[in-house]
Protein backbone atom coordinates (compact mmCIF):
# COMPACT_ATOMS: atom_id res chain seq x y z
CA UNK A 1 91.25 83.23 75.02
CA UNK A 2 89.56 85.79 72.82
CA UNK A 3 89.84 89.52 73.55
CA UNK A 4 86.19 89.62 74.68
CA UNK A 5 86.67 86.75 77.12
CA UNK A 6 89.78 88.46 78.54
CA UNK A 7 87.86 91.71 79.09
CA UNK A 8 84.91 89.88 80.68
CA UNK A 9 87.17 87.85 82.94
CA UNK A 10 89.12 90.99 83.89
CA UNK A 11 85.93 92.71 85.04
CA UNK A 12 84.91 89.68 87.10
CA UNK A 13 88.38 89.39 88.65
CA UNK A 14 88.33 93.08 89.62
CA UNK A 15 84.95 92.69 91.33
CA UNK A 16 86.12 89.58 93.17
CA UNK A 17 84.10 87.45 95.57
CA UNK A 18 81.93 87.69 98.65
CA UNK A 19 83.16 89.75 101.62
CA UNK A 20 83.51 86.72 103.90
CA UNK A 21 85.47 84.68 101.38
CA UNK A 22 89.20 84.49 100.76
CA UNK A 23 88.73 86.07 97.34
CA UNK A 24 90.44 89.34 96.52
CA UNK A 25 89.07 92.22 94.52
CA UNK A 26 86.70 94.97 95.57
CA UNK A 27 84.00 92.47 96.65
CA UNK A 28 80.56 91.85 95.20
CA UNK A 29 78.77 93.91 97.88
CA UNK A 30 80.91 96.99 97.17
CA UNK A 31 80.14 96.71 93.46
CA UNK A 32 76.44 96.16 94.22
CA UNK A 33 76.22 99.26 96.42
CA UNK A 34 77.66 101.40 93.64
CA UNK A 35 75.37 99.82 91.04
CA UNK A 36 72.29 100.38 93.23
CA UNK A 37 73.35 103.99 93.89
CA UNK A 38 73.74 104.65 90.15
CA UNK A 39 70.31 103.18 89.38
CA UNK A 40 68.76 105.16 92.25
CA UNK A 41 70.37 108.37 91.00
CA UNK A 42 68.95 107.79 87.52
CA UNK A 43 65.50 107.17 89.02
CA UNK A 44 65.81 110.19 91.30
CA UNK A 45 65.34 108.19 94.50
CA UNK A 46 67.39 107.19 97.51
CA UNK A 47 69.41 103.97 97.28
CA UNK A 48 67.32 101.18 98.81
CA UNK A 49 67.87 97.42 98.75
CA UNK A 50 65.56 94.84 100.33
CA UNK A 51 63.56 97.66 101.99
CA UNK A 52 66.70 99.02 103.67
CA UNK A 53 68.32 102.30 102.72
CA UNK A 54 72.03 102.39 101.98
CA UNK A 55 73.79 104.83 104.29
CA UNK A 56 75.94 107.65 103.00
CA UNK A 57 78.86 106.16 104.95
CA UNK A 58 78.56 102.80 103.18
CA UNK A 59 78.30 104.55 99.81
CA UNK A 60 81.35 106.71 100.57
CA UNK A 61 83.38 103.65 101.58
CA UNK A 62 82.36 101.82 98.41
CA UNK A 63 83.39 104.76 96.23
CA UNK A 64 86.72 105.05 98.04
CA UNK A 65 87.46 101.32 97.73
CA UNK A 66 86.60 101.18 94.03
CA UNK A 67 88.49 104.40 93.33
CA UNK A 68 91.66 103.32 95.11
CA UNK A 69 91.53 99.84 93.59
CA UNK A 70 91.08 101.21 90.07
CA UNK A 71 93.91 103.71 90.54
CA UNK A 72 96.21 100.97 91.87
CA UNK A 73 95.46 98.59 88.98
CA UNK A 74 95.93 101.36 86.39
CA UNK A 75 99.20 102.59 87.93
CA UNK A 76 100.68 99.09 88.24
CA UNK A 77 99.60 98.21 84.69
CA UNK A 78 101.26 101.38 83.41
CA UNK A 79 104.47 100.74 85.35
CA UNK A 80 104.72 97.17 84.07
CA UNK A 81 104.08 98.34 80.50
CA UNK A 82 106.90 100.89 80.88
CA UNK A 83 109.29 98.26 82.28
CA UNK A 84 108.39 95.57 79.76
CA UNK A 85 108.34 97.80 76.70
CA UNK A 86 106.78 96.20 73.61
CA UNK A 87 107.29 92.59 74.73
CA UNK A 88 103.68 92.16 75.92
CA UNK A 89 100.31 93.48 74.78
CA UNK A 90 98.35 95.91 76.97
CA UNK A 91 95.36 93.61 77.51
CA UNK A 92 97.60 90.74 78.62
CA UNK A 93 99.38 92.92 81.21
CA UNK A 94 96.07 94.44 82.38
CA UNK A 95 94.68 90.91 82.71
CA UNK A 96 97.77 89.86 84.68
CA UNK A 97 97.54 92.82 87.10
CA UNK A 98 93.81 92.40 87.63
CA UNK A 99 94.31 88.69 88.24
CA UNK A 100 96.93 89.53 90.87
CA UNK A 101 94.64 92.13 92.47
CA UNK A 102 91.79 89.64 92.60
CA UNK A 103 94.16 86.88 93.81
CA UNK A 104 92.78 84.67 91.04
CA UNK A 105 95.91 82.99 89.72
CA UNK A 106 95.20 83.29 86.00
CA UNK A 107 97.77 84.59 83.54
CA UNK A 108 97.61 85.88 79.98
CA UNK A 109 101.20 87.11 79.81
CA UNK A 110 104.15 84.79 80.21
CA UNK A 111 104.77 85.63 83.88
CA UNK A 112 108.16 83.87 84.25
CA UNK A 113 109.53 86.04 81.42
CA UNK A 114 108.60 89.31 83.14
CA UNK A 115 111.28 91.59 84.56
CA UNK A 116 111.94 91.19 88.31
CA UNK A 117 110.48 94.67 88.97
CA UNK A 118 107.25 93.61 87.26
CA UNK A 119 107.10 90.45 89.35
CA UNK A 120 107.59 92.45 92.55
CA UNK A 121 104.77 94.81 91.51
CA UNK A 122 102.53 91.81 90.91
CA UNK A 123 103.38 90.38 94.35
CA UNK A 124 102.56 93.69 96.04
CA UNK A 125 99.33 93.85 94.03
CA UNK A 126 98.36 90.37 95.25
CA UNK A 127 98.87 91.48 98.83
CA UNK A 128 96.96 94.74 98.36
CA UNK A 129 94.16 92.97 96.49
CA UNK A 130 93.59 90.63 99.38
CA UNK A 131 94.31 92.84 102.37
CA UNK A 132 94.16 96.39 101.02
CA UNK A 133 90.47 97.04 100.40
CA UNK A 134 89.47 95.38 103.68
CA UNK A 135 92.12 97.25 105.67
CA UNK A 136 91.21 100.49 103.96
CA UNK A 137 87.53 100.01 104.82
CA UNK A 138 88.46 99.44 108.46
CA UNK A 139 90.83 102.42 108.51
CA UNK A 140 88.24 104.86 107.17
CA UNK A 141 85.66 103.76 109.74
CA UNK A 142 87.85 104.96 112.60
CA UNK A 143 86.48 108.34 113.66
CA UNK A 144 88.81 111.26 114.11
CA UNK A 145 87.77 113.02 117.33
CA UNK A 146 89.19 116.35 116.18
CA UNK A 147 86.79 116.58 113.24
CA UNK A 148 83.83 115.18 115.16
CA UNK A 149 82.54 118.54 116.41
CA UNK A 150 83.31 120.54 113.29
CA UNK A 151 80.55 121.45 110.91
CA UNK A 152 81.60 122.65 107.50
CA UNK A 153 79.42 124.67 105.12
CA UNK A 154 78.03 122.73 102.20
CA UNK A 155 79.79 123.51 98.95
CA UNK A 156 78.04 123.88 95.64
CA UNK A 157 79.72 121.64 93.07
CA UNK A 158 78.47 121.16 89.53
CA UNK A 159 78.65 117.47 88.60
CA UNK A 160 78.03 115.98 85.18
C-alpha cells in the first residue's frame, strides 16, 4: 500500500461503521454529528440535519467519544512505538492500532513479530474499539441525581 492509501484507510477505520452494525470505531453517526456541528459553527447557525436540530447532549457525547477514542489510539500507538523501538515505522504501527480499534483485521506491520506487550495492547484496543465507545455513551447518559438540581454560573472562555 502507498502512504496515502494507508492514511485514507486509517481515517476510515477510525470512523468505523453504522451504530447498529458489529463494526468498531467511533461510528459514522458520531462523525457526522461533529461534521455538521463544525459546518453549522462556520455558518453561524444551529446544527440541523433533515429539519431536526442536534441536541447539545448528542453533540457533547459525540465530542467525548471522539476525544477518548483519539486519545486511546494515540497513547497505544506511542506505547507500542516505545516498546518496539525502531523495528517498525510510525505509520505502520498507527495503522495497526487503528485497525484494532476499528476491529477491521488489516495489518501493515508484521503483527506476529511484535513484542507480547504490544500484542496485549492491540487486544485491549480491539475490545475497547468494539465495546468502549458504546459503553461510554451509555455511561454518560446516566444522570447523577446529586448534580440534577445544581445550577452553575456560565463561564467565559475564549476559544480559537
